[in-house]
Amino acid sequence: MRLPVFLTTAAIAAAFALSAQAAPAGIATINIDIGAELADKTDTVDDRDLEFLKTELRESLERELGKSGGLTPDGAVLNLVIEDATPNRPTMRQLTRTPGLSYESRGIGGATLSGTLVTADGAVPVRYRWYESDFGNTVAAGTWSDAETSFDRFARRVARGDSLAAK
């Protein structure tokens, strides 16, 4: 079963269009935080995992916005929160806390993001969620493969200003 994908990238594009008169379209600053739900998963993730996820999301956004010319010094501020992320394989925290657990174990992962795009005209809410739906796609997955895929998909859509429809 495919989970719905939510993101108001149409709102992002609209915010860029509205702010085009006041400032050039683009994003100047990307702020990324960890949500309470993910931070509370202390039996699954540790600080290293949380920093990895933040870095991966930032790199995806910077790469895609860089390709599209969407990174501008006088653009908007994109404030994001990684609300939840599910690993494909056991994390180091899980492996050290659960005797007999193998890194060969695998499952379906993904991530949920929320936040705001702040322009000269105000703040536009942003929400995105993608989780793999086919267990067969996890065969060669690393610990955070599906979360990284979620970040890449989000970044491409933000960079293009695409509207996302539920799948």
Protein backbone atom coordinates (compact mmCIF):
# COMPACT_ATOMS: atom_id res chain seq x y z
CA MET A 1 0.00 0.00 0.00
CA ARG A 2 1.40 3.38 -1.00
CA LEU A 3 1.34 5.99 1.73
CA PRO A 4 0.17 9.43 0.66
CA VAL A 5 2.79 12.05 -0.03
CA PHE A 6 2.06 15.46 1.46
CA LEU A 7 3.89 18.60 0.63
CA THR A 8 2.66 21.95 -0.34
CA THR A 9 5.35 22.58 -2.90
CA ALA A 10 2.66 24.32 -4.84
CA ALA A 11 2.56 26.66 -1.86
CA ILE A 12 6.34 26.99 -2.05
CA ALA A 13 6.10 27.87 -5.72
CA ALA A 14 3.29 30.31 -4.94
CA ALA A 15 5.35 31.85 -2.16
CA PHE A 16 8.25 32.26 -4.57
CA ALA A 17 5.90 33.84 -7.10
CA LEU A 18 4.46 36.20 -4.48
CA SER A 19 7.88 37.14 -3.19
CA ALA A 20 9.33 37.58 -6.67
CA GLN A 21 8.43 41.25 -6.62
CA ALA A 22 10.08 41.84 -3.23
CA ALA A 23 13.11 39.56 -3.68
CA PRO A 24 14.38 37.05 -6.23
CA ALA A 25 12.93 33.56 -5.91
CA GLY A 26 15.13 31.07 -4.14
CA ILE A 27 16.23 29.86 -0.76
CA ALA A 28 19.03 31.59 1.12
CA THR A 29 19.01 29.63 4.38
CA ILE A 30 18.10 26.06 5.30
CA ASN A 31 17.53 25.28 8.98
CA ILE A 32 17.01 21.65 9.99
CA ASP A 33 15.92 20.37 13.39
CA ILE A 34 14.88 17.01 14.82
CA GLY A 35 11.27 16.60 15.93
CA ALA A 36 10.27 15.37 19.37
CA GLU A 37 8.89 12.08 18.04
CA LEU A 38 12.19 11.13 16.41
CA ALA A 39 14.30 12.46 19.29
CA ASP A 40 12.26 10.29 21.69
CA LYS A 41 13.23 7.10 19.83
CA THR A 42 16.22 6.63 22.10
CA ASP A 43 15.95 2.84 21.82
CA THR A 44 16.46 3.15 18.04
CA VAL A 45 18.57 6.22 17.29
CA ASP A 46 21.44 8.04 18.92
CA ASP A 47 22.99 11.47 18.34
CA ARG A 48 25.14 10.10 15.51
CA ASP A 49 22.03 8.92 13.63
CA LEU A 50 20.25 12.24 14.16
CA GLU A 51 23.25 14.22 12.89
CA PHE A 52 23.53 11.87 9.90
CA LEU A 53 19.88 12.45 8.98
CA LYS A 54 20.21 16.23 9.29
CA THR A 55 23.35 16.20 7.15
CA GLU A 56 21.76 14.00 4.48
CA LEU A 57 18.69 16.24 4.24
CA ARG A 58 20.82 19.40 4.01
CA GLU A 59 23.09 17.87 1.35
CA SER A 60 20.11 16.72 -0.72
CA LEU A 61 18.55 20.18 -0.61
CA GLU A 62 21.79 22.02 -1.36
CA ARG A 63 22.60 19.67 -4.24
CA GLU A 64 19.19 19.98 -5.90
CA LEU A 65 18.77 23.70 -5.25
CA GLY A 66 22.31 24.26 -6.52
CA LYS A 67 21.46 22.48 -9.79
CA SER A 68 18.32 24.57 -10.29
CA GLY A 69 19.78 27.90 -9.20
CA GLY A 70 17.43 27.88 -6.21
CA LEU A 71 20.11 28.82 -3.68
CA THR A 72 20.30 32.61 -3.58
CA PRO A 73 21.84 34.86 -0.94
CA ASP A 74 18.73 37.05 -0.76
CA GLY A 75 16.10 34.32 -0.92
CA ALA A 76 13.69 32.74 1.54
CA VAL A 77 14.41 30.77 4.71
CA LEU A 78 13.43 27.10 4.71
CA ASN A 79 12.89 25.81 8.26
CA LEU A 80 12.50 22.03 8.37
CA VAL A 81 11.93 19.46 11.08
CA ILE A 82 12.60 15.77 10.57
CA GLU A 83 9.53 14.56 12.44
CA ASP A 84 10.15 10.86 11.98
CA ALA A 85 12.52 8.52 10.18
CA THR A 86 12.45 4.75 10.04
CA PRO A 87 15.65 2.82 9.26
CA ASN A 88 15.82 -0.06 6.80
CA ARG A 89 18.35 -1.95 8.86
CA PRO A 90 19.07 -1.97 12.59
CA THR A 91 20.94 1.08 13.83
CA MET A 92 24.09 0.77 15.93
CA ARG A 93 21.98 1.65 18.99
CA GLN A 94 19.62 -1.26 18.25
CA LEU A 95 22.46 -3.68 17.54
CA THR A 96 24.23 -2.88 20.81
CA ARG A 97 21.04 -3.08 22.89
CA THR A 98 19.48 -6.19 21.38
CA PRO A 99 21.51 -9.41 21.61
CA GLY A 100 21.03 -11.65 18.60
CA LEU A 101 19.83 -8.86 16.32
CA SER A 102 21.56 -8.98 12.96
CA TYR A 103 22.42 -6.19 10.55
CA GLU A 104 21.03 -8.54 7.90
CA SER A 105 17.54 -7.77 9.25
CA ARG A 106 15.73 -5.36 7.00
CA GLY A 107 12.48 -3.52 6.72
CA ILE A 108 10.67 -0.68 5.04
CA GLY A 109 11.84 2.80 5.96
CA GLY A 110 11.26 6.42 5.08
CA ALA A 111 10.83 9.85 6.62
CA THR A 112 8.32 12.57 7.51
CA LEU A 113 9.26 16.25 7.27
CA SER A 114 7.44 19.42 8.22
CA GLY A 115 8.31 23.07 8.43
CA THR A 116 7.84 26.49 6.90
CA LEU A 117 9.17 28.48 4.01
CA VAL A 118 9.55 32.05 5.22
CA THR A 119 9.50 34.74 2.55
CA ALA A 120 9.11 38.50 2.69
CA ASP A 121 5.35 37.92 2.36
CA GLY A 122 5.03 35.47 5.26
CA ALA A 123 5.39 31.81 6.11
CA VAL A 124 4.13 28.92 4.00
CA PRO A 125 3.69 25.52 5.72
CA VAL A 126 5.62 22.57 4.28
CA ARG A 127 4.85 18.91 4.92
CA TYR A 128 6.27 15.84 3.20
CA ARG A 129 6.10 12.13 3.92
CA TRP A 130 7.47 9.20 1.94
CA TYR A 131 7.95 5.60 3.03
CA GLU A 132 8.87 2.69 0.80
CA SER A 133 5.90 0.49 0.04
CA ASP A 134 7.62 -2.52 -1.53
CA PHE A 135 9.63 -4.79 0.75
CA GLY A 136 11.40 -6.15 -2.34
CA ASN A 137 13.13 -2.78 -2.78
CA THR A 138 14.97 -3.15 0.53
CA VAL A 139 17.32 -5.98 -0.49
CA ALA A 140 20.44 -3.82 -0.91
CA ALA A 141 19.33 -1.10 1.49
CA GLY A 142 21.67 0.48 4.01
CA THR A 143 20.56 1.64 7.45
CA TRP A 144 18.89 4.88 6.29
CA SER A 145 18.41 4.21 2.55
CA ASP A 146 14.68 4.94 2.41
CA ALA A 147 15.01 8.06 4.58
CA GLU A 148 17.70 9.28 2.17
CA THR A 149 15.40 8.53 -0.77
CA SER A 150 12.67 10.51 0.96
CA PHE A 151 15.05 13.47 1.38
CA ASP A 152 16.16 13.27 -2.26
CA ARG A 153 12.58 13.21 -3.53
CA PHE A 154 11.65 16.14 -1.32
CA ALA A 155 14.69 18.13 -2.43
CA ARG A 156 14.01 17.53 -6.15
CA ARG A 157 10.43 18.68 -5.77
CA VAL A 158 11.37 21.78 -3.80
CA ALA A 159 14.04 22.64 -6.39
CA ARG A 160 11.56 22.26 -9.26
CA GLY A 161 8.71 23.94 -7.40
CA ASP A 162 6.51 20.97 -8.34
CA SER A 163 3.11 20.41 -6.89
CA LEU A 164 2.87 17.00 -5.24
CA ALA A 165 -0.20 14.87 -5.62
CA ALA A 166 -1.05 12.05 -3.24
CA LYS A 167 0.10 8.69 -4.56
